[in-house]
Amino acid sequence: MAGNTKKSHQLTLEEINQALNSGTFIQVRRMLNILPAAEVAHLLESSPPKTRAVMWQLMDHESESDILPYLSDEVQSQFLQAMDTQEVAALTVGLEADDIADILQQLPDQVIKEVLQLMDQQDRQRVEQVLSYPEDTAGGMMNTDIISVRAKTPIDVVLRYLRRHDELPEMTDNVFVVSRRDEFVGLLPIRRILVADPNITVREIMNTDIEPIPASMHDSDVANLFERHDWVSAPVVDEHNKLIGRITIDDVVDVIREDADHSLLTLAGLDDDEDTFAPIFKTWPRRAVWLAVNLVTAFAASAVINLFQDSIEKVVALAVLMPIVASMGGVAGTQALTVVIRGIALGQIGSHNRSYLLNRELLIGALNGLCWSLVISVASAWWFDDYAIGVIIAAAIVINMITAGIAGAALPIIIKALRIDPALAGGVVLTTVTDVVGFLSFLGLATMYYA
């Protein structure tokens, strides 16, 4: 099924591109306006900037507000920057408070104020409440559209209250139970309401075992809770335990995807909102910065090599075999680094298990070092007909693999303690460590032997 969906995306994109190239814009408009909003957003993000701009202009204005929440922040920003305040305000009509907040956060503060002034008082208060919390917290991702009841209310009254609504908020699986001061008390699952005796009260069938999510909780921790408990929605409370909103699984899926993108892209030194089809002169400076950082670390490794220039000139094999030592250490370190960064992201690593993790990676590095040093030493000795070079590279491999394992496990923990993103800085530091230690151990041992 997933393969068929992906294939249909590709076919639709090809059809739209063919229609655009042939100038049949009416056909493109018709195709775009019959597709679901999520599909159109996917097509926009899969198109180069010029094609994307044409497609956006061809869509009905009524569809823009439905499509915008499905777009990434960077693509959203591209469209929003071309709009005036009135157009942005019109886009927000009918959207949920969390989606409106996500859109407004792409705009300058002055524009945000102007858009808020154009909203009615109720919508403005709801959006301002979400905007009052950082974007990466439960309060910043919550939806204020909630249904709540009191514990003493009969189920029959609850049913009549629900029927008064034209429709329930999306993904409503629970009604929230609150006190007279709007403090969170418990959950009343919809499935229990439908089968319960209408004469009993909410208190008799509500669930009080659920801990509400504090508005200040980081969105990654919220995602971990949803994954652990298989929640569809969860209540959000302020510091006084007052119910202020709810988080639904669709928002959590967005967080999980953003965290995955962040981990993948920052390991390569890229922005976590990188647009696949961003213009050249917007992408180039971002990558150039991290290439500059990498160049500094490369010079550090080259400086180590320069210390042993005389030895390299005497024994050409050293120059040939150096990349093997650095490469093996780099791969081993990256394996440990990736596992630990993932553990940190999932909240699995703490003071109680760090020592086990470090010892494990040290032993894995030693075992891999012993295993592969034997293979590499035999191959090197045979290649250059020099048993000494085989022993030297074997010792260097073991040293660098052990160092790589320890560094790969320790660096993310240390960097995290310094309040720096380990996914962003870990790879650069690890590469420097494994290169420097690898070259230093290999060339240092060779210099001691051949001197």
Protein backbone atom coordinates (compact mmCIF):
# COMPACT_ATOMS: atom_id res chain seq x y z
CA MET A 1 0.00 0.00 0.00
CA ALA A 2 2.81 2.43 0.92
CA GLY A 3 4.59 1.63 -2.33
CA ASN A 4 1.42 2.33 -4.34
CA THR A 5 0.94 5.67 -2.54
CA LYS A 6 4.51 6.72 -3.23
CA LYS A 7 4.11 5.74 -6.88
CA SER A 8 0.91 7.80 -7.14
CA HIS A 9 2.78 10.82 -5.68
CA GLN A 10 5.45 10.47 -8.36
CA LEU A 11 2.87 10.10 -11.13
CA THR A 12 0.93 13.16 -9.98
CA LEU A 13 4.09 15.24 -9.76
CA GLU A 14 5.15 14.12 -13.23
CA GLU A 15 1.69 14.94 -14.61
CA ILE A 16 1.74 18.40 -13.04
CA ASN A 17 5.25 19.11 -14.35
CA GLN A 18 4.25 17.99 -17.85
CA ALA A 19 1.16 20.22 -17.71
CA LEU A 20 3.23 23.18 -16.48
CA ASN A 21 5.83 22.68 -19.21
CA SER A 22 3.11 22.55 -21.86
CA GLY A 23 1.44 25.67 -20.46
CA THR A 24 -1.90 24.01 -19.58
CA PHE A 25 -2.32 25.86 -16.29
CA ILE A 26 -6.07 25.21 -16.13
CA GLN A 27 -5.38 21.49 -15.95
CA VAL A 28 -2.82 22.03 -13.16
CA ARG A 29 -5.28 24.18 -11.21
CA ARG A 30 -7.94 21.47 -11.52
CA MET A 31 -5.53 18.74 -10.37
CA LEU A 32 -4.29 20.73 -7.37
CA ASN A 33 -7.75 21.69 -6.16
CA ILE A 34 -9.12 18.13 -6.12
CA LEU A 35 -6.20 16.64 -4.20
CA PRO A 36 -6.25 16.41 -0.38
CA ALA A 37 -4.34 19.19 1.40
CA ALA A 38 -1.64 16.83 2.66
CA GLU A 39 -1.00 15.57 -0.89
CA VAL A 40 -0.69 19.10 -2.25
CA ALA A 41 1.76 19.99 0.53
CA HIS A 42 3.85 16.95 -0.40
CA LEU A 43 3.88 18.01 -4.05
CA LEU A 44 4.93 21.56 -3.13
CA GLU A 45 7.82 20.32 -0.98
CA SER A 46 8.87 17.96 -3.79
CA SER A 47 9.18 20.77 -6.35
CA PRO A 48 11.96 23.27 -7.15
CA PRO A 49 11.33 26.91 -6.07
CA LYS A 50 10.03 28.23 -9.42
CA THR A 51 7.62 25.34 -9.93
CA ARG A 52 6.53 25.63 -6.30
CA ALA A 53 5.69 29.33 -6.73
CA VAL A 54 3.62 28.69 -9.86
CA MET A 55 1.68 25.86 -8.18
CA TRP A 56 0.92 28.07 -5.16
CA GLN A 57 -0.44 30.84 -7.39
CA LEU A 58 -2.70 28.39 -9.21
CA MET A 59 -4.42 27.12 -6.06
CA ASP A 60 -7.70 28.50 -4.76
CA HIS A 61 -7.18 30.92 -1.86
CA GLU A 62 -9.67 28.92 0.21
CA SER A 63 -7.34 25.89 0.02
CA GLU A 64 -4.21 27.71 1.20
CA SER A 65 -5.17 27.66 4.89
CA ASP A 66 -5.72 23.88 4.74
CA ILE A 67 -2.38 23.23 3.02
CA LEU A 68 -0.12 25.55 5.02
CA PRO A 69 -0.09 23.51 8.31
CA TYR A 70 1.22 20.45 6.40
CA LEU A 71 4.27 22.32 5.06
CA SER A 72 7.66 22.42 6.76
CA ASP A 73 8.65 25.62 8.56
CA GLU A 74 11.05 26.72 5.84
CA VAL A 75 8.55 26.23 3.00
CA GLN A 76 5.83 27.91 5.08
CA SER A 77 8.14 30.87 5.60
CA GLN A 78 8.75 31.22 1.87
CA PHE A 79 5.03 31.67 1.18
CA LEU A 80 4.29 33.79 4.26
CA GLN A 81 7.00 36.32 3.47
CA ALA A 82 5.21 37.16 0.23
CA MET A 83 1.90 37.91 2.02
CA ASP A 84 0.67 41.04 3.74
CA THR A 85 -0.91 41.10 7.19
CA GLN A 86 -4.48 40.88 5.88
CA GLU A 87 -3.67 37.77 3.80
CA VAL A 88 -1.99 36.02 6.75
CA ALA A 89 -4.95 36.83 9.01
CA ALA A 90 -7.37 35.41 6.40
CA LEU A 91 -5.32 32.20 6.27
CA THR A 92 -5.74 31.61 10.00
CA VAL A 93 -9.54 31.55 9.92
CA GLY A 94 -10.81 28.11 10.91
CA LEU A 95 -7.40 26.73 11.92
CA GLU A 96 -6.67 25.27 15.34
CA ALA A 97 -4.75 27.42 17.81
CA ASP A 98 -1.58 25.31 17.66
CA ASP A 99 -1.51 25.46 13.84
CA ILE A 100 -2.01 29.23 13.91
CA ALA A 101 0.80 29.58 16.44
CA ASP A 102 3.12 27.50 14.24
CA ILE A 103 2.37 29.77 11.28
CA LEU A 104 2.79 33.02 13.22
CA GLN A 105 6.14 31.92 14.65
CA GLN A 106 7.57 32.15 11.11
CA LEU A 107 6.83 35.90 11.05
CA PRO A 108 8.48 39.00 12.58
CA ASP A 109 7.11 40.12 15.97
CA GLN A 110 5.50 43.24 14.54
CA VAL A 111 3.58 41.23 11.93
CA ILE A 112 2.45 38.76 14.62
CA LYS A 113 0.98 41.63 16.64
CA GLU A 114 -0.84 43.00 13.61
CA VAL A 115 -2.30 39.60 12.70
CA LEU A 116 -3.47 39.01 16.28
CA GLN A 117 -5.22 42.37 16.30
CA LEU A 118 -7.26 41.31 13.25
CA MET A 119 -8.58 38.16 15.00
CA ASP A 120 -11.71 38.05 17.12
CA GLN A 121 -11.13 38.17 20.88
CA GLN A 122 -11.72 34.46 21.55
CA ASP A 123 -9.34 33.25 18.84
CA ARG A 124 -6.74 35.84 19.84
CA GLN A 125 -6.77 34.70 23.48
CA ARG A 126 -6.38 31.05 22.48
CA VAL A 127 -3.47 31.75 20.15
CA GLU A 128 -1.77 34.08 22.63
CA GLN A 129 -1.97 31.36 25.25
CA VAL A 130 -0.11 28.93 22.96
CA LEU A 131 2.40 31.62 21.91
CA SER A 132 3.19 32.36 25.56
CA TYR A 133 5.05 29.04 25.76
CA PRO A 134 8.26 28.13 23.89
CA GLU A 135 7.64 26.38 20.59
CA ASP A 136 9.40 23.17 21.71
CA THR A 137 7.31 22.63 24.86
CA ALA A 138 3.96 20.97 25.55
CA GLY A 139 2.35 24.41 25.93
CA GLY A 140 3.71 25.48 22.55
CA MET A 141 2.31 22.44 20.73
CA MET A 142 -1.03 22.06 22.56
CA ASN A 143 -4.48 22.69 21.16
CA THR A 144 -6.82 24.72 23.35
CA ASP A 145 -9.98 23.21 21.78
CA ILE A 146 -11.06 20.89 24.62
CA ILE A 147 -14.26 19.47 26.08
CA SER A 148 -14.47 19.24 29.87
CA VAL A 149 -17.10 18.17 32.44
CA ARG A 150 -17.43 17.96 36.24
CA ALA A 151 -17.12 14.70 38.17
CA LYS A 152 -20.63 14.92 39.69
CA THR A 153 -22.33 15.28 36.29
CA PRO A 154 -24.66 12.36 35.29
CA ILE A 155 -23.67 10.49 32.12
CA ASP A 156 -27.05 11.33 30.58
CA VAL A 157 -26.24 15.05 30.91
CA VAL A 158 -22.78 14.48 29.38
CA LEU A 159 -24.35 12.76 26.36
CA ARG A 160 -26.81 15.60 25.85
CA TYR A 161 -23.96 18.13 26.19
CA LEU A 162 -21.90 16.33 23.53
CA ARG A 163 -24.86 16.18 21.14
CA ARG A 164 -25.21 19.95 21.34
CA HIS A 165 -21.91 20.28 19.44
CA ASP A 166 -22.05 20.34 15.65
CA GLU A 167 -18.93 18.16 15.72
CA LEU A 168 -16.34 17.10 18.27
CA PRO A 169 -12.73 18.30 18.00
CA GLU A 170 -10.59 15.99 15.87
CA MET A 171 -9.11 12.96 17.64
CA THR A 172 -11.37 13.33 20.67
CA ASP A 173 -11.01 10.01 22.48
CA ASN A 174 -11.56 11.42 25.99
CA VAL A 175 -13.60 14.08 27.75
CA PHE A 176 -11.56 15.84 30.43
CA VAL A 177 -12.86 15.95 33.99
CA VAL A 178 -12.12 19.15 35.92
CA SER A 179 -12.91 20.66 39.29
CA ARG A 180 -14.90 23.85 39.82
CA ARG A 181 -11.61 25.79 39.53
CA ASP A 182 -10.78 24.02 36.24
CA GLU A 183 -8.12 21.85 37.88
CA PHE A 184 -7.52 18.56 36.10
CA VAL A 185 -9.12 15.58 37.88
CA GLY A 186 -9.20 12.72 35.36
CA LEU A 187 -10.28 11.41 31.96
CA LEU A 188 -13.63 10.10 30.78
CA PRO A 189 -13.10 7.86 27.72
CA ILE A 190 -15.73 8.24 24.99
CA ARG A 191 -15.98 4.45 24.74
CA ARG A 192 -17.15 4.29 28.38
CA ILE A 193 -19.72 7.05 27.92
CA LEU A 194 -21.39 5.20 25.04
CA VAL A 195 -21.95 1.99 27.00
CA ALA A 196 -22.43 3.34 30.54
CA ASP A 197 -25.68 3.52 32.48
CA PRO A 198 -27.03 7.06 31.79
CA ASN A 199 -28.03 7.45 35.45
CA ILE A 200 -24.54 7.08 36.98
CA THR A 201 -22.16 10.01 37.38
CA VAL A 202 -18.86 10.75 35.68
CA ARG A 203 -16.99 10.07 38.95
CA GLU A 204 -18.03 6.40 38.85
CA ILE A 205 -16.40 5.57 35.52
CA MET A 206 -13.69 8.21 35.00
CA ASN A 207 -9.99 7.34 34.91
CA THR A 208 -7.87 9.10 37.55
CA ASP A 209 -4.61 7.21 36.92
CA ILE A 210 -3.45 9.53 34.13
CA GLU A 211 -0.82 12.12 35.01
CA PRO A 212 -1.37 15.34 33.01
CA ILE A 213 1.49 16.82 30.98
CA PRO A 214 3.03 20.02 32.40
CA ALA A 215 2.98 22.87 29.87
CA SER A 216 6.72 23.35 30.38
CA MET A 217 7.66 19.77 29.39
CA HIS A 218 9.97 19.52 26.36
CA ASP A 219 8.27 18.22 23.21
CA SER A 220 10.72 15.27 22.94
CA ASP A 221 9.69 14.11 26.42
CA VAL A 222 6.04 14.46 25.40
CA ALA A 223 6.69 12.26 22.35
CA ASN A 224 8.37 9.63 24.56
CA LEU A 225 5.30 9.54 26.85
CA PHE A 226 2.94 9.10 23.91
CA GLU A 227 5.09 6.29 22.51
CA ARG A 228 5.37 4.56 25.88
CA HIS A 229 1.65 4.71 26.73
CA ASP A 230 0.11 4.52 23.22
CA TRP A 231 -1.91 7.69 23.82
CA VAL A 232 -4.10 9.34 21.20
CA SER A 233 -4.45 12.53 23.22
CA ALA A 234 -3.31 13.83 26.60
CA PRO A 235 -4.24 16.79 28.86
CA VAL A 236 -1.89 19.74 29.38
CA VAL A 237 -1.90 21.67 32.67
CA ASP A 238 -0.19 24.83 33.92
CA GLU A 239 1.89 25.12 37.11
CA HIS A 240 -1.34 25.24 39.17
CA ASN A 241 -2.70 21.99 37.65
CA LYS A 242 -5.29 23.97 35.72
CA LEU A 243 -6.34 22.33 32.45
CA ILE A 244 -5.29 24.61 29.58
CA GLY A 245 -5.26 22.33 26.52
CA ARG A 246 -4.56 18.94 25.02
CA ILE A 247 -1.96 17.35 22.77
CA THR A 248 -2.99 14.91 20.04
CA ILE A 249 -1.04 12.19 18.29
CA ASP A 250 -0.80 14.09 14.98
CA ASP A 251 1.26 16.79 16.69
CA VAL A 252 3.43 14.15 18.36
CA VAL A 253 4.12 12.48 15.00
CA ASP A 254 5.36 15.87 13.75
CA VAL A 255 7.72 16.11 16.74
CA ILE A 256 9.05 12.58 16.17
CA ARG A 257 9.68 13.36 12.51
CA GLU A 258 11.35 16.70 13.33
CA ASP A 259 13.60 15.00 15.90
CA ALA A 260 14.56 12.35 13.36
CA ASP A 261 15.31 15.02 10.75
CA HIS A 262 17.27 16.98 13.33
CA SER A 263 19.43 14.00 14.28
CA LEU A 264 20.09 13.08 10.64
CA LEU A 265 20.83 16.57 9.32
CA THR A 266 22.80 17.94 12.26
CA LEU A 267 25.17 14.97 12.13
CA ALA A 268 26.09 16.35 8.70
CA GLY A 269 26.25 19.93 9.99
CA LEU A 270 23.00 21.00 8.27
CA ASP A 271 20.00 22.93 9.58
CA ASP A 272 17.23 20.68 10.84
CA ASP A 273 14.68 22.58 8.70
CA GLU A 274 16.74 22.16 5.53
CA ASP A 275 14.56 22.39 2.43
CA THR A 276 15.50 19.74 -0.14
CA PHE A 277 14.91 22.19 -2.99
CA ALA A 278 16.13 25.40 -1.32
CA PRO A 279 17.82 27.92 -3.67
CA ILE A 280 21.58 27.52 -4.21
CA PHE A 281 22.61 30.80 -2.58
CA LYS A 282 20.50 30.02 0.48
CA THR A 283 21.93 26.53 0.97
CA TRP A 284 25.57 27.29 0.12
CA PRO A 285 26.37 29.56 3.15
CA ARG A 286 24.88 27.06 5.60
CA ARG A 287 27.07 24.25 4.36
CA ALA A 288 30.12 26.49 3.99
CA VAL A 289 30.11 27.29 7.72
CA TRP A 290 30.46 23.66 8.74
CA LEU A 291 33.01 22.97 6.02
CA ALA A 292 35.04 25.77 7.59
CA VAL A 293 34.79 24.10 11.00
CA ASN A 294 35.81 20.79 9.45
CA LEU A 295 38.77 22.50 7.73
CA VAL A 296 40.10 23.66 11.12
CA THR A 297 39.93 20.10 12.47
CA ALA A 298 41.56 18.79 9.29
CA PHE A 299 44.46 21.19 9.80
CA ALA A 300 44.84 19.84 13.35
CA ALA A 301 45.15 16.30 11.99
CA SER A 302 47.57 17.50 9.29
CA ALA A 303 49.70 19.19 11.95
CA VAL A 304 50.09 15.83 13.67
CA ILE A 305 51.14 14.22 10.39
CA ASN A 306 53.67 17.02 9.82
CA LEU A 307 55.41 16.14 13.09
CA PHE A 308 56.43 12.83 11.53
CA GLN A 309 57.37 14.08 8.08
CA ASP A 310 60.86 12.57 8.22
CA SER A 311 59.52 9.12 9.11
CA ILE A 312 56.99 9.23 6.27
CA GLU A 313 59.73 10.15 3.79
CA LYS A 314 61.83 7.18 4.92
CA VAL A 315 58.99 4.65 4.94
CA VAL A 316 56.49 5.22 2.11
CA ALA A 317 54.20 2.50 3.50
CA LEU A 318 53.25 4.84 6.36
CA ALA A 319 51.63 7.30 3.94
CA VAL A 320 49.75 4.48 2.22
CA LEU A 321 48.41 2.91 5.44
CA MET A 322 47.55 6.06 7.45
CA PRO A 323 44.00 6.41 6.04
CA ILE A 324 43.17 2.86 7.19
CA VAL A 325 43.93 3.67 10.82
CA ALA A 326 41.92 6.90 10.78
CA SER A 327 39.01 5.36 8.85
CA MET A 328 38.59 2.34 11.15
CA GLY A 329 38.60 4.58 14.21
CA GLY A 330 36.14 7.01 12.60
CA VAL A 331 33.60 4.30 11.76
CA ALA A 332 33.88 2.65 15.19
CA GLY A 333 33.46 6.00 16.93
CA THR A 334 30.47 6.95 14.80
CA GLN A 335 28.74 3.66 15.69
CA ALA A 336 29.10 4.38 19.41
CA LEU A 337 28.21 8.05 18.95
CA THR A 338 24.99 7.23 17.07
CA VAL A 339 23.83 4.71 19.69
CA VAL A 340 24.45 7.11 22.58
CA ILE A 341 22.82 10.12 20.85
CA ARG A 342 19.76 7.97 20.17
CA GLY A 343 19.71 6.87 23.82
CA ILE A 344 19.88 10.49 24.98
CA ALA A 345 17.04 11.45 22.62
CA LEU A 346 14.88 8.62 24.02
CA GLY A 347 15.68 9.59 27.61
CA GLN A 348 17.32 6.23 28.31
CA ILE A 349 20.72 7.47 29.52
CA GLY A 350 21.32 8.84 33.01
CA SER A 351 23.85 8.83 35.83
CA HIS A 352 22.83 5.28 36.80
CA ASN A 353 23.91 3.65 33.53
CA ARG A 354 26.66 5.86 32.06
CA SER A 355 29.52 3.81 33.50
CA TYR A 356 28.06 0.60 32.05
CA LEU A 357 27.75 2.27 28.65
CA LEU A 358 31.34 3.56 28.70
CA ASN A 359 32.72 0.17 29.79
CA ARG A 360 30.68 -1.61 27.12
CA GLU A 361 31.91 0.63 24.31
CA LEU A 362 35.50 0.32 25.59
CA LEU A 363 35.29 -3.49 25.46
CA ILE A 364 33.55 -3.49 22.06
CA GLY A 365 36.31 -1.19 20.75
CA ALA A 366 38.99 -3.49 22.17
CA LEU A 367 37.40 -6.63 20.69
CA ASN A 368 36.94 -5.04 17.28
CA GLY A 369 40.45 -3.62 17.47
CA LEU A 370 41.99 -7.04 18.21
CA CYS A 371 39.90 -8.72 15.52
CA TRP A 372 40.58 -6.29 12.68
CA SER A 373 44.15 -5.46 13.68
CA LEU A 374 45.01 -9.10 13.01
CA VAL A 375 43.50 -8.95 9.52
CA ILE A 376 45.06 -5.57 8.69
CA SER A 377 48.50 -6.48 10.07
CA VAL A 378 48.70 -9.68 8.01
CA ALA A 379 47.59 -7.85 4.85
CA SER A 380 50.03 -4.97 5.46
CA ALA A 381 52.99 -7.25 6.22
CA TRP A 382 52.30 -9.25 3.06
CA TRP A 383 51.72 -6.14 0.94
CA PHE A 384 54.98 -4.40 1.90
CA ASP A 385 56.95 -7.52 2.84
CA ASP A 386 57.66 -6.00 6.24
CA TYR A 387 56.51 -7.75 9.40
CA ALA A 388 57.36 -4.70 11.50
CA ILE A 389 54.87 -2.52 9.66
CA GLY A 390 52.20 -5.15 10.33
CA VAL A 391 52.86 -5.09 14.08
CA ILE A 392 52.90 -1.28 14.16
CA ILE A 393 49.61 -0.83 12.35
CA ALA A 394 48.01 -3.57 14.48
CA ALA A 395 48.95 -1.73 17.68
CA ALA A 396 47.73 1.59 16.24
CA ILE A 397 44.39 0.06 15.19
CA VAL A 398 43.79 -1.34 18.70
CA ILE A 399 44.67 1.99 20.34
CA ASN A 400 42.47 4.01 17.98
CA MET A 401 39.50 1.62 18.14
CA ILE A 402 39.50 1.70 21.95
CA THR A 403 39.81 5.49 21.91
CA ALA A 404 37.00 5.73 19.34
CA GLY A 405 34.66 3.61 21.47
CA ILE A 406 35.28 5.65 24.60
CA ALA A 407 35.09 8.99 22.74
CA GLY A 408 31.93 7.97 20.85
CA ALA A 409 30.19 7.12 24.13
CA ALA A 410 31.56 9.93 26.29
CA LEU A 411 31.42 12.92 23.93
CA PRO A 412 27.59 13.13 23.60
CA ILE A 413 27.21 12.94 27.39
CA ILE A 414 29.85 15.62 27.96
CA ILE A 415 28.53 17.88 25.21
CA LYS A 416 24.96 17.49 26.49
CA ALA A 417 26.11 18.49 29.99
CA LEU A 418 27.57 21.67 28.44
CA ARG A 419 24.08 22.42 26.99
CA ILE A 420 25.26 21.90 23.41
CA ASP A 421 23.38 19.70 20.95
CA PRO A 422 25.44 16.44 20.77
CA ALA A 423 24.07 15.68 17.30
CA LEU A 424 25.42 18.99 16.05
CA ALA A 425 28.90 18.99 17.62
CA GLY A 426 29.56 15.32 18.35
CA GLY A 427 30.53 14.25 14.83
CA VAL A 428 33.04 17.09 14.30
CA VAL A 429 34.78 16.53 17.65
CA LEU A 430 34.81 12.74 17.23
CA THR A 431 36.42 12.96 13.78
CA THR A 432 39.18 15.16 15.20
CA VAL A 433 39.81 12.79 18.11
CA THR A 434 40.00 9.62 15.99
CA ASP A 435 42.15 11.26 13.31
CA VAL A 436 44.62 12.78 15.77
CA VAL A 437 44.90 9.66 17.96
CA GLY A 438 45.10 7.38 14.92
CA PHE A 439 47.87 9.34 13.20
CA LEU A 440 49.71 9.97 16.47
CA SER A 441 49.73 6.32 17.52
CA PHE A 442 50.60 4.93 14.08
CA LEU A 443 53.29 7.45 13.13
CA GLY A 444 54.62 7.67 16.69
CA LEU A 445 55.13 3.90 16.95
CA ALA A 446 56.67 3.83 13.48
CA THR A 447 59.07 6.64 14.34
CA MET A 448 60.15 4.84 17.53
CA TYR A 449 60.86 1.66 15.56
CA TYR A 450 62.46 3.08 12.42
CA ALA A 451 64.40 5.90 14.10
